[in-house]
C-alpha atoms as a PDB file:
ATOM      1  CA  MET A   1       0.000   0.000   0.000  1.00  0.00           C
ATOM      2  CA  SER A   2       1.260   3.501  -0.883  1.00  0.00           C
ATOM      3  CA  ILE A   3       0.807   6.071   1.873  1.00  0.00           C
ATOM      4  CA  LYS A   4       1.246   8.873  -0.679  1.00  0.00           C
ATOM      5  CA  VAL A   5      -1.568   7.588  -2.889  1.00  0.00           C
ATOM      6  CA  ALA A   6      -3.849   6.929   0.086  1.00  0.00           C
ATOM      7  CA  GLY A   7      -3.163  10.433   1.421  1.00  0.00           C
ATOM      8  CA  ALA A   8      -3.947  12.034  -1.933  1.00  0.00           C
ATOM      9  CA  THR A   9      -7.207  10.074  -2.130  1.00  0.00           C
ATOM     10  CA  ALA A  10      -8.157  11.130   1.402  1.00  0.00           C
ATOM     11  CA  ALA A  11      -7.473  14.789   0.592  1.00  0.00           C
ATOM     12  CA  ARG A  12      -9.688  14.593  -2.506  1.00  0.00           C
ATOM     13  CA  VAL A  13     -12.558  13.025  -0.565  1.00  0.00           C
ATOM     14  CA  LEU A  14     -12.331  15.690   2.141  1.00  0.00           C
ATOM     15  CA  ARG A  15     -12.408  18.462  -0.482  1.00  0.00           C
ATOM     16  CA  GLN A  16     -15.557  16.952  -1.963  1.00  0.00           C
ATOM     17  CA  LEU A  17     -17.237  16.655   1.426  1.00  0.00           C
ATOM     18  CA  ARG A  18     -16.409  20.275   2.219  1.00  0.00           C
ATOM     19  CA  HIS A  19     -18.775  21.309  -0.573  1.00  0.00           C
ATOM     20  CA  ASP A  20     -21.603  19.051   0.664  1.00  0.00           C
ATOM     21  CA  PRO A  21     -23.213  20.894   3.615  1.00  0.00           C
ATOM     22  CA  ARG A  22     -26.012  18.336   4.033  1.00  0.00           C
ATOM     23  CA  THR A  23     -23.546  15.509   4.574  1.00  0.00           C
ATOM     24  CA  ILE A  24     -21.500  17.647   6.944  1.00  0.00           C
ATOM     25  CA  ALA A  25     -24.654  18.411   8.930  1.00  0.00           C
ATOM     26  CA  LEU A  26     -25.620  14.729   9.031  1.00  0.00           C
ATOM     27  CA  VAL A  27     -22.201  13.751  10.354  1.00  0.00           C
ATOM     28  CA  LEU A  28     -21.413  16.611  12.733  1.00  0.00           C
ATOM     29  CA  VAL A  29     -24.796  17.926  13.868  1.00  0.00           C
ATOM     30  CA  VAL A  30     -27.346  15.100  13.816  1.00  0.00           C
ATOM     31  CA  PRO A  31     -25.644  12.826  16.427  1.00  0.00           C
ATOM     32  CA  ALA A  32     -25.400  15.728  18.883  1.00  0.00           C
ATOM     33  CA  VAL A  33     -29.074  16.539  18.299  1.00  0.00           C
ATOM     34  CA  LEU A  34     -30.075  12.911  18.868  1.00  0.00           C
ATOM     35  CA  VAL A  35     -28.132  12.720  22.130  1.00  0.00           C
ATOM     36  CA  THR A  36     -29.810  15.953  23.239  1.00  0.00           C
ATOM     37  CA  LEU A  37     -33.239  14.493  22.470  1.00  0.00           C
ATOM     38  CA  ILE A  38     -32.413  11.367  24.488  1.00  0.00           C
ATOM     39  CA  LYS A  39     -31.368  13.563  27.400  1.00  0.00           C
ATOM     40  CA  TYR A  40     -34.710  15.366  27.562  1.00  0.00           C
ATOM     41  CA  VAL A  41     -36.819  12.313  26.734  1.00  0.00           C
ATOM     42  CA  PHE A  42     -35.522  10.833  30.000  1.00  0.00           C
ATOM     43  CA  ASP A  43     -35.489  14.139  31.875  1.00  0.00           C
ATOM     44  CA  GLU A  44     -35.538  13.883  35.673  1.00  0.00           C
ATOM     45  CA  SER A  45     -34.311  10.269  35.606  1.00  0.00           C
ATOM     46  CA  SER A  46     -31.008   8.415  35.681  1.00  0.00           C
ATOM     47  CA  VAL A  47     -31.606   6.597  32.389  1.00  0.00           C
ATOM     48  CA  PHE A  48     -29.580   9.107  30.387  1.00  0.00           C
ATOM     49  CA  ASP A  49     -26.522   8.535  32.571  1.00  0.00           C
ATOM     50  CA  ARG A  50     -26.880   4.785  31.970  1.00  0.00           C
ATOM     51  CA  ILE A  51     -27.328   4.764  28.191  1.00  0.00           C
ATOM     52  CA  GLY A  52     -25.873   8.144  27.231  1.00  0.00           C
ATOM     53  CA  GLY A  53     -22.263   6.951  27.232  1.00  0.00           C
ATOM     54  CA  PRO A  54     -22.807   3.955  24.921  1.00  0.00           C
ATOM     55  CA  LEU A  55     -24.925   6.094  22.609  1.00  0.00           C
ATOM     56  CA  LEU A  56     -21.913   8.353  22.047  1.00  0.00           C
ATOM     57  CA  GLY A  57     -20.479   5.477  20.010  1.00  0.00           C
ATOM     58  CA  VAL A  58     -23.680   4.001  18.595  1.00  0.00           C
ATOM     59  CA  PHE A  59     -24.934   7.152  16.848  1.00  0.00           C
ATOM     60  CA  PRO A  60     -21.584   7.900  15.127  1.00  0.00           C
ATOM     61  CA  LEU A  61     -21.306   4.302  13.940  1.00  0.00           C
ATOM     62  CA  ILE A  62     -24.749   4.478  12.337  1.00  0.00           C
ATOM     63  CA  THR A  63     -24.277   7.867  10.668  1.00  0.00           C
ATOM     64  CA  MET A  64     -20.791   7.037   9.378  1.00  0.00           C
ATOM     65  CA  PHE A  65     -22.061   3.721   7.977  1.00  0.00           C
ATOM     66  CA  LEU A  66     -24.778   5.540   6.059  1.00  0.00           C
ATOM     67  CA  VAL A  67     -22.633   8.417   4.787  1.00  0.00           C
ATOM     68  CA  THR A  68     -19.701   6.217   3.784  1.00  0.00           C
ATOM     69  CA  SER A  69     -21.767   3.625   1.910  1.00  0.00           C
ATOM     70  CA  ILE A  70     -23.643   6.295  -0.072  1.00  0.00           C
ATOM     71  CA  THR A  71     -20.506   8.321  -0.828  1.00  0.00           C
ATOM     72  CA  MET A  72     -18.597   5.274  -2.056  1.00  0.00           C
ATOM     73  CA  LEU A  73     -21.532   4.172  -4.198  1.00  0.00           C
ATOM     74  CA  ARG A  74     -21.774   7.669  -5.690  1.00  0.00           C
ATOM     75  CA  GLU A  75     -18.101   7.471  -6.639  1.00  0.00           C
ATOM     76  CA  ARG A  76     -18.817   4.248  -8.518  1.00  0.00           C
ATOM     77  CA  THR A  77     -22.033   5.291 -10.253  1.00  0.00           C
ATOM     78  CA  THR A  78     -20.604   8.620 -11.458  1.00  0.00           C
ATOM     79  CA  GLY A  79     -17.593   6.852 -12.949  1.00  0.00           C
ATOM     80  CA  THR A  80     -15.048   8.525 -10.656  1.00  0.00           C
ATOM     81  CA  LEU A  81     -13.919   5.260  -9.138  1.00  0.00           C
ATOM     82  CA  GLU A  82     -13.667   3.583 -12.516  1.00  0.00           C
ATOM     83  CA  ARG A  83     -11.420   6.359 -13.827  1.00  0.00           C
ATOM     84  CA  LEU A  84      -9.228   6.183 -10.743  1.00  0.00           C
ATOM     85  CA  MET A  85      -8.814   2.439 -11.071  1.00  0.00           C
ATOM     86  CA  THR A  86      -7.442   2.798 -14.595  1.00  0.00           C
ATOM     87  CA  MET A  87      -4.399   4.373 -12.959  1.00  0.00           C
ATOM     88  CA  PRO A  88      -1.502   2.271 -11.573  1.00  0.00           C
ATOM     89  CA  LEU A  89      -2.711   2.062  -8.010  1.00  0.00           C
ATOM     90  CA  ALA A  90      -3.990  -0.727  -5.787  1.00  0.00           C
ATOM     91  CA  LYS A  91      -7.558  -1.161  -4.609  1.00  0.00           C
ATOM     92  CA  LEU A  92      -6.324  -1.063  -1.023  1.00  0.00           C
ATOM     93  CA  ASP A  93      -4.730   2.347  -1.684  1.00  0.00           C
ATOM     94  CA  LEU A  94      -8.111   3.716  -2.710  1.00  0.00           C
ATOM     95  CA  LEU A  95     -10.025   2.228   0.193  1.00  0.00           C
ATOM     96  CA  ALA A  96      -7.332   3.278   2.671  1.00  0.00           C
ATOM     97  CA  GLY A  97      -7.669   6.824   1.366  1.00  0.00           C
ATOM     98  CA  TYR A  98     -11.431   6.790   1.769  1.00  0.00           C
ATOM     99  CA  ALA A  99     -11.092   5.206   5.209  1.00  0.00           C
ATOM    100  CA  GLY A 100      -8.550   7.842   6.252  1.00  0.00           C
ATOM    101  CA  ALA A 101     -10.793  10.705   5.157  1.00  0.00           C
ATOM    102  CA  PHE A 102     -13.808   9.307   6.949  1.00  0.00           C
ATOM    103  CA  ALA A 103     -11.689   8.518  10.014  1.00  0.00           C
ATOM    104  CA  LEU A 104     -10.843  12.221  10.326  1.00  0.00           C
ATOM    105  CA  LEU A 105     -14.511  13.075   9.895  1.00  0.00           C
ATOM    106  CA  ALA A 106     -15.416  10.408  12.458  1.00  0.00           C
ATOM    107  CA  ALA A 107     -12.943  11.863  14.952  1.00  0.00           C
ATOM    108  CA  ALA A 108     -14.472  15.318  14.576  1.00  0.00           C
ATOM    109  CA  GLN A 109     -17.945  13.844  14.956  1.00  0.00           C
ATOM    110  CA  ALA A 110     -17.044  11.913  18.117  1.00  0.00           C
ATOM    111  CA  VAL A 111     -15.375  14.932  19.710  1.00  0.00           C
ATOM    112  CA  ILE A 112     -18.377  17.170  18.999  1.00  0.00           C
ATOM    113  CA  VAL A 113     -21.033  14.760  20.262  1.00  0.00           C
ATOM    114  CA  SER A 114     -18.958  13.908  23.351  1.00  0.00           C
ATOM    115  CA  THR A 115     -18.405  17.592  24.137  1.00  0.00           C
ATOM    116  CA  VAL A 116     -22.135  18.237  23.898  1.00  0.00           C
ATOM    117  CA  ALA A 117     -22.967  15.219  26.083  1.00  0.00           C
ATOM    118  CA  PHE A 118     -20.371  15.751  28.831  1.00  0.00           C
ATOM    119  CA  TRP A 119     -20.300  19.509  29.128  1.00  0.00           C
ATOM    120  CA  ALA A 120     -23.608  20.779  27.763  1.00  0.00           C
ATOM    121  CA  LEU A 121     -25.886  17.932  28.882  1.00  0.00           C
ATOM    122  CA  ASP A 122     -23.953  17.050  32.055  1.00  0.00           C
ATOM    123  CA  LEU A 123     -23.605  13.351  31.267  1.00  0.00           C
ATOM    124  CA  HIS A 124     -22.026  11.449  34.175  1.00  0.00           C
ATOM    125  CA  VAL A 125     -19.950   8.308  33.640  1.00  0.00           C
ATOM    126  CA  ALA A 126     -17.912   6.312  36.127  1.00  0.00           C
ATOM    127  CA  GLY A 127     -15.089   5.656  33.668  1.00  0.00           C
ATOM    128  CA  ALA A 128     -12.625   8.013  32.031  1.00  0.00           C
ATOM    129  CA  LYS A 129     -14.219  10.458  29.607  1.00  0.00           C
ATOM    130  CA  TRP A 130     -11.221  10.414  27.283  1.00  0.00           C
ATOM    131  CA  ALA A 131     -11.568   6.639  26.944  1.00  0.00           C
ATOM    132  CA  VAL A 132     -15.237   7.051  25.991  1.00  0.00           C
ATOM    133  CA  VAL A 133     -14.260   9.571  23.314  1.00  0.00           C
ATOM    134  CA  LEU A 134     -11.587   7.247  21.899  1.00  0.00           C
ATOM    135  CA  LEU A 135     -14.043   4.355  21.753  1.00  0.00           C
ATOM    136  CA  ALA A 136     -16.607   6.588  20.060  1.00  0.00           C
ATOM    137  CA  ILE A 137     -14.006   7.423  17.398  1.00  0.00           C
ATOM    138  CA  GLY A 138     -13.182   3.731  16.997  1.00  0.00           C
ATOM    139  CA  ASN A 139     -16.848   2.861  16.572  1.00  0.00           C
ATOM    140  CA  ALA A 140     -17.318   5.598  13.979  1.00  0.00           C
ATOM    141  CA  VAL A 141     -14.312   4.272  12.052  1.00  0.00           C
ATOM    142  CA  LEU A 142     -15.814   0.780  12.236  1.00  0.00           C
ATOM    143  CA  GLY A 143     -19.045   2.177  10.792  1.00  0.00           C
ATOM    144  CA  SER A 144     -17.043   3.721   7.934  1.00  0.00           C
ATOM    145  CA  SER A 145     -15.258   0.440   7.181  1.00  0.00           C
ATOM    146  CA  LEU A 146     -18.541  -1.472   7.158  1.00  0.00           C
ATOM    147  CA  GLY A 147     -20.079   1.179   4.912  1.00  0.00           C
ATOM    148  CA  LEU A 148     -17.210   0.853   2.435  1.00  0.00           C
ATOM    149  CA  PHE A 149     -17.701  -2.906   2.394  1.00  0.00           C
ATOM    150  CA  VAL A 150     -21.479  -3.062   1.924  1.00  0.00           C
ATOM    151  CA  SER A 151     -21.433  -0.351  -0.771  1.00  0.00           C
ATOM    152  CA  ALA A 152     -20.039  -2.986  -3.143  1.00  0.00           C
ATOM    153  CA  PHE A 153     -23.385  -4.829  -2.990  1.00  0.00           C
ATOM    154  CA  ALA A 154     -25.603  -1.855  -3.908  1.00  0.00           C
ATOM    155  CA  ARG A 155     -26.334  -0.515  -7.389  1.00  0.00           C
ATOM    156  CA  THR A 156     -28.243   2.632  -6.413  1.00  0.00           C
ATOM    157  CA  GLU A 157     -28.208   5.042  -3.487  1.00  0.00           C
ATOM    158  CA  PHE A 158     -31.643   3.779  -2.499  1.00  0.00           C
ATOM    159  CA  GLN A 159     -30.261   0.257  -2.197  1.00  0.00           C
ATOM    160  CA  ALA A 160     -27.390   1.603  -0.092  1.00  0.00           C
ATOM    161  CA  VAL A 161     -29.881   3.228   2.283  1.00  0.00           C
ATOM    162  CA  GLN A 162     -31.760  -0.075   2.527  1.00  0.00           C
ATOM    163  CA  PHE A 163     -28.696  -1.647   4.148  1.00  0.00           C
ATOM    164  CA  LEU A 164     -29.284   0.571   7.181  1.00  0.00           C
ATOM    165  CA  PRO A 165     -32.483  -1.158   8.379  1.00  0.00           C
ATOM    166  CA  ALA A 166     -31.336  -4.532   7.051  1.00  0.00           C
ATOM    167  CA  PHE A 167     -27.792  -4.522   8.423  1.00  0.00           C
ATOM    168  CA  VAL A 168     -27.627  -1.997  11.286  1.00  0.00           C
ATOM    169  CA  PHE A 169     -31.056  -1.998  12.949  1.00  0.00           C
ATOM    170  CA  PRO A 170     -31.005  -5.711  13.912  1.00  0.00           C
ATOM    171  CA  GLN A 171     -27.627  -5.094  15.538  1.00  0.00           C
ATOM    172  CA  LEU A 172     -29.071  -2.115  17.388  1.00  0.00           C
ATOM    173  CA  LEU A 173     -31.868  -4.283  18.767  1.00  0.00           C
ATOM    174  CA  LEU A 174     -29.585  -7.139  19.826  1.00  0.00           C
ATOM    175  CA  CYS A 175     -26.426  -5.351  21.021  1.00  0.00           C
ATOM    176  CA  GLY A 176     -27.694  -4.972  24.594  1.00  0.00           C
ATOM    177  CA  LEU A 177     -28.824  -1.357  24.477  1.00  0.00           C
ATOM    178  CA  LEU A 178     -32.540  -2.065  24.835  1.00  0.00           C
ATOM    179  CA  ALA A 179     -32.238  -5.165  27.019  1.00  0.00           C
ATOM    180  CA  PRO A 180     -29.373  -7.239  28.460  1.00  0.00           C
ATOM    181  CA  ARG A 181     -28.409  -9.911  25.963  1.00  0.00           C
ATOM    182  CA  ASP A 182     -28.478 -12.671  28.583  1.00  0.00           C
ATOM    183  CA  HIS A 183     -32.179 -11.868  29.130  1.00  0.00           C
ATOM    184  CA  MET A 184     -33.021 -12.464  25.472  1.00  0.00           C
ATOM    185  CA  ALA A 185     -34.096 -15.718  23.886  1.00  0.00           C
ATOM    186  CA  ARG A 186     -31.087 -18.002  23.662  1.00  0.00           C
ATOM    187  CA  VAL A 187     -31.057 -17.998  19.861  1.00  0.00           C
ATOM    188  CA  LEU A 188     -30.977 -14.187  19.781  1.00  0.00           C
ATOM    189  CA  GLU A 189     -28.139 -14.094  22.281  1.00  0.00           C
ATOM    190  CA  ILE A 190     -26.139 -16.492  20.094  1.00  0.00           C
ATOM    191  CA  VAL A 191     -26.855 -14.412  16.969  1.00  0.00           C
ATOM    192  CA  SER A 192     -25.758 -11.240  18.766  1.00  0.00           C
ATOM    193  CA  TRP A 193     -22.252 -12.657  19.271  1.00  0.00           C
ATOM    194  CA  GLY A 194     -21.726 -12.450  15.501  1.00  0.00           C
ATOM    195  CA  MET A 195     -22.657  -8.768  15.227  1.00  0.00           C
ATOM    196  CA  PRO A 196     -20.030  -5.979  15.272  1.00  0.00           C
ATOM    197  CA  LEU A 197     -22.244  -3.549  17.195  1.00  0.00           C
ATOM    198  CA  THR A 198     -22.412  -6.015  20.102  1.00  0.00           C
ATOM    199  CA  TYR A 199     -18.701  -5.564  20.808  1.00  0.00           C
ATOM    200  CA  ALA A 200     -18.768  -1.834  20.099  1.00  0.00           C
ATOM    201  CA  TYR A 201     -21.623  -1.317  22.554  1.00  0.00           C
ATOM    202  CA  ASP A 202     -20.168  -3.644  25.182  1.00  0.00           C
ATOM    203  CA  ALA A 203     -16.821  -1.821  25.143  1.00  0.00           C
ATOM    204  CA  LEU A 204     -18.512   1.540  25.662  1.00  0.00           C
ATOM    205  CA  ASP A 205     -20.850   0.196  28.316  1.00  0.00           C
ATOM    206  CA  ARG A 206     -17.975  -1.292  30.333  1.00  0.00           C
ATOM    207  CA  THR A 207     -15.918   1.872  30.006  1.00  0.00           C
ATOM    208  CA  THR A 208     -18.733   4.144  31.177  1.00  0.00           C
ATOM    209  CA  ARG A 209     -19.263   1.862  34.204  1.00  0.00           C
ATOM    210  CA  ALA A 210     -15.483   1.622  34.841  1.00  0.00           C
ATOM    211  CA  VAL A 211     -15.600  -2.161  34.462  1.00  0.00           C
ATOM    212  CA  TYR A 212     -12.133  -2.786  33.092  1.00  0.00           C
ATOM    213  CA  GLY A 213     -10.422  -6.088  32.413  1.00  0.00           C
ATOM    214  CA  ALA A 214      -9.741  -8.708  29.786  1.00  0.00           C
ATOM    215  CA  ARG A 215     -13.291  -8.611  28.431  1.00  0.00           C
ATOM    216  CA  LEU A 216     -12.973  -4.903  27.620  1.00  0.00           C
ATOM    217  CA  GLY A 217      -9.650  -5.519  25.892  1.00  0.00           C
ATOM    218  CA  ALA A 218     -11.218  -8.310  23.858  1.00  0.00           C
ATOM    219  CA  ASP A 219     -14.103  -6.035  22.809  1.00  0.00           C
ATOM    220  CA  VAL A 220     -11.699  -3.330  21.639  1.00  0.00           C
ATOM    221  CA  ALA A 221      -9.587  -5.885  19.763  1.00  0.00           C
ATOM    222  CA  VAL A 222     -12.673  -7.243  17.991  1.00  0.00           C
ATOM    223  CA  VAL A 223     -13.827  -3.738  16.990  1.00  0.00           C
ATOM    224  CA  LEU A 224     -10.403  -2.873  15.565  1.00  0.00           C
ATOM    225  CA  GLY A 225     -10.051  -6.271  13.896  1.00  0.00           C
ATOM    226  CA  LEU A 226     -13.471  -6.074  12.282  1.00  0.00           C
ATOM    227  CA  GLY A 227     -12.669  -2.603  10.974  1.00  0.00           C
ATOM    228  CA  VAL A 228      -9.500  -3.889   9.282  1.00  0.00           C
ATOM    229  CA  LEU A 229     -11.286  -7.007   8.044  1.00  0.00           C
ATOM    230  CA  ALA A 230     -14.130  -4.963   6.534  1.00  0.00           C
ATOM    231  CA  LEU A 231     -11.603  -2.741   4.778  1.00  0.00           C
ATOM    232  CA  ALA A 232      -9.769  -5.762   3.354  1.00  0.00           C
ATOM    233  CA  ALA A 233     -13.064  -7.344   2.263  1.00  0.00           C
ATOM    234  CA  GLY A 234     -14.043  -4.071   0.631  1.00  0.00           C
ATOM    235  CA  ALA A 235     -10.794  -4.107  -1.375  1.00  0.00           C
ATOM    236  CA  ALA A 236     -11.432  -7.707  -2.421  1.00  0.00           C
ATOM    237  CA  THR A 237     -14.980  -6.967  -3.637  1.00  0.00           C
ATOM    238  CA  LEU A 238     -14.232  -3.607  -5.270  1.00  0.00           C
ATOM    239  CA  ARG A 239     -15.156  -3.862  -8.934  1.00  0.00           C
ATOM    240  CA  ARG A 240     -13.412  -2.023 -11.752  1.00  0.00           C
ATOM    241  CA  ARG A 241     -16.580  -1.635 -13.753  1.00  0.00           C
ATOM    242  CA  THR A 242     -19.401   0.694 -12.828  1.00  0.00           C
ATOM    243  CA  PRO A 243     -22.612  -1.336 -12.305  1.00  0.00           C
END
């Protein structure tokens, strides 16, 4: 992989996003608004302190998945990706560039939503706030990697959007946010072990409750590993021809 080529690709993607205010608003503003809504939905209760921390990573993962999959598909359908791949560069160079650009965007998103939650909404967590922010960034990067991967299976932007309820929403229901996984039907608990959001949520939940140990390390390793695996799978399934 060429760092120079990946860096040039990342710079181009960031320049394009700079001229797309709706995408910028979706990435940087919407998660903070959603966390604010959750705060006042559970006003005068301790529920926000319990679920607010994990949501700092869940919302960025979802939004980055959506934005990345649509952006990558747009690059293919407009012919931009096809023209780039006629040049002497590797598929992994391209995807690494896209991943790098969205990682920077994900970092900005996680910092903004965490700042709003901790300092504007007075979110209390038992664990270290900086660790929550880092995990939120990691989850957003995972969402970007998954978005790059699934974009290869869509032919239109509408199909890319359909992956959100089909791929992300079941994970949201089974990750443990709505109910502890060990309280679910046994088959659902088993299925949840194969879902990336399960580990992303569990890592954030343990960090916000200051429950450290080997299990937390394993969750973080799985999140990072799945991000790399999704990126590699995306490179393997990237087609040279526009569908």
